[in-house]
Every structure is written in structure tokens, then in C-alpha cells.
Amino acid sequence: MRVTVLKSKIHRATVTDSSLNYEGSISIPPSLVERAGLREYEKVLVANVNTGHRFETYVIVGDEGRIQLNGAAAHLGKPGDKVIIMAWTTIDGAECASFKPNVVLIDDDNQPKAD
């Protein structure tokens, strides 16, 4: 049996920018992309904590400290909103007991909190 599980999560990042006139995606700093184990162009689910909106898009690597909603996603959040960025993977059911996702907790400056 295959099970879909949380692979990566960036928890409570702050949206810093939005741009309607941009190729649709979410821009995430390279340090957070790496720390969360994400890949550029990987599909992610974004949950806006402020509005309750959830939407799918894909990752592009952006500038340090900045989380930017691009294209149509710019309608679903504004600067200052907190978002949770999640990616999923499928594993064999037998792996579930030992599997742990990469979870990155974020401070108000979009920096990882101390472990």
C-alpha cells in the first residue's frame, strides 16, 4: 500500500510581496527551499493563515527573507499574511512509522527559528 504524507513544511512564513503580472508561483528564499528539502518547480499547497485560503502552485527560488505570491496566487494573500507551505510525497505504508517530514518553523523575519 502507498500512502501520501507530508514531505516538507515551511510553517508561518510572512508574505512580503505579491505580483499579479508574473509567472504564477510562490517565490521562496533559497535557504528555506534547501532547508525544507523542496525543489524549484515542485508543486506545493499554500495555506493562508489569515484568510483560510488554500491553493496549489509551484516553487521558484527568490530572494532571501522574501516570500512572494505571484500571478493568480497574488489574489489569495497580501503582504503581512502568514502562510504555511507544504509539499507531499508518496511512501510505502511500511515506512510510515519511521518517516519524518522536514518542518521549518519561521520567525517574523522569514528566518528559521532556532532548533
Protein backbone atom coordinates (compact mmCIF):
# COMPACT_ATOMS: atom_id res chain seq x y z
CA MET A 1 0.00 0.00 0.00
CA ARG A 2 1.21 3.54 -0.84
CA VAL A 3 0.44 6.44 1.50
CA THR A 4 0.66 10.17 0.75
CA VAL A 5 2.41 12.01 3.61
CA LEU A 6 3.72 15.47 4.37
CA LYS A 7 7.25 15.72 2.96
CA SER A 8 8.13 19.34 3.73
CA LYS A 9 6.58 22.26 5.56
CA ILE A 10 7.59 25.90 5.98
CA HIS A 11 5.42 26.99 8.91
CA ARG A 12 4.11 30.56 9.31
CA ALA A 13 6.23 32.41 6.78
CA THR A 14 5.24 36.04 6.25
CA VAL A 15 4.21 37.16 2.76
CA THR A 16 6.40 40.15 1.87
CA ASP A 17 5.29 40.84 -1.71
CA SER A 18 2.76 39.93 -4.37
CA SER A 19 2.84 40.45 -8.11
CA LEU A 20 -0.11 39.82 -10.43
CA ASN A 21 1.96 40.40 -13.57
CA TYR A 22 4.27 37.49 -13.04
CA GLU A 23 4.52 33.84 -13.97
CA GLY A 24 2.35 32.06 -11.41
CA SER A 25 4.20 30.61 -8.45
CA ILE A 26 5.44 31.31 -4.95
CA SER A 27 8.94 32.73 -4.54
CA ILE A 28 10.78 31.28 -1.55
CA PRO A 29 14.31 32.16 -0.35
CA PRO A 30 16.97 29.65 -1.42
CA SER A 31 17.97 28.93 2.19
CA LEU A 32 14.39 27.92 3.07
CA VAL A 33 13.97 25.88 -0.12
CA GLU A 34 17.08 23.92 0.79
CA ARG A 35 16.29 23.59 4.49
CA ALA A 36 12.78 22.29 3.77
CA GLY A 37 14.03 19.86 1.14
CA LEU A 38 12.00 21.45 -1.64
CA ARG A 39 12.93 21.66 -5.32
CA GLU A 40 12.42 24.51 -7.73
CA TYR A 41 9.19 23.96 -9.71
CA GLU A 42 7.92 21.46 -7.14
CA LYS A 43 4.17 21.55 -6.53
CA VAL A 44 3.18 22.95 -3.12
CA LEU A 45 -0.02 23.57 -1.21
CA VAL A 46 -0.12 27.00 0.42
CA ALA A 47 -2.45 27.70 3.34
CA ASN A 48 -3.04 31.37 4.18
CA VAL A 49 -3.44 31.51 7.97
CA ASN A 50 -5.05 34.98 7.83
CA THR A 51 -7.75 34.24 5.24
CA GLY A 52 -8.14 30.46 5.27
CA HIS A 53 -7.47 30.25 1.52
CA ARG A 54 -5.62 27.17 0.31
CA PHE A 55 -4.12 26.97 -3.16
CA GLU A 56 -1.67 24.91 -5.17
CA THR A 57 1.22 26.43 -7.06
CA TYR A 58 4.90 25.68 -7.56
CA VAL A 59 8.15 26.83 -6.02
CA ILE A 60 10.56 29.27 -7.59
CA VAL A 61 13.70 30.37 -5.82
CA GLY A 62 13.53 34.02 -4.80
CA ASP A 63 15.42 36.47 -2.62
CA GLU A 64 16.48 35.88 0.98
CA GLY A 65 13.90 36.99 3.52
CA ARG A 66 11.13 37.38 0.95
CA ILE A 67 8.04 35.26 0.33
CA GLN A 68 6.23 36.47 -2.79
CA LEU A 69 2.90 35.34 -4.21
CA ASN A 70 2.91 35.59 -8.00
CA GLY A 71 0.33 35.52 -10.75
CA ALA A 72 -3.17 34.40 -9.78
CA ALA A 73 -1.91 33.42 -6.31
CA ALA A 74 -1.35 37.14 -5.62
CA HIS A 75 -5.13 37.43 -5.24
CA LEU A 76 -5.04 34.95 -2.34
CA GLY A 77 -2.71 36.78 0.02
CA LYS A 78 -1.18 40.14 0.76
CA PRO A 79 1.99 41.36 2.47
CA GLY A 80 1.83 40.61 6.17
CA ASP A 81 -0.25 37.43 5.81
CA LYS A 82 1.14 34.27 7.42
CA VAL A 83 1.32 31.21 5.19
CA ILE A 84 2.12 27.54 5.59
CA ILE A 85 3.84 26.00 2.57
CA MET A 86 3.53 22.21 2.26
CA ALA A 87 4.78 19.53 -0.12
CA TRP A 88 3.78 15.88 -0.18
CA THR A 89 5.32 12.58 -1.17
CA THR A 90 4.11 9.01 -1.51
CA ILE A 91 5.79 6.29 0.52
CA ASP A 92 5.25 2.63 1.16
CA GLY A 93 2.90 2.10 4.11
CA ALA A 94 5.60 0.17 5.97
CA GLU A 95 7.76 3.33 6.04
CA CYS A 96 5.12 5.42 7.84
CA ALA A 97 6.21 4.54 11.38
CA SER A 98 9.73 5.90 10.85
CA PHE A 99 9.07 8.69 8.33
CA LYS A 100 9.55 12.29 9.49
CA PRO A 101 8.88 15.35 7.32
CA ASN A 102 11.21 18.35 7.06
CA VAL A 103 9.45 21.03 9.13
CA VAL A 104 10.91 24.53 9.21
CA LEU A 105 9.42 26.92 11.78
CA ILE A 106 9.75 30.55 10.69
CA ASP A 107 10.05 33.78 12.68
CA ASP A 108 8.51 37.15 11.69
CA ASP A 109 11.57 37.98 9.54
CA ASN A 110 11.23 34.76 7.48
CA GLN A 111 14.22 33.23 9.20
CA PRO A 112 14.22 29.71 10.65
CA LYS A 113 13.65 29.62 14.38
CA ALA A 114 16.41 28.06 16.46
CA ASP A 115 16.09 24.29 16.71
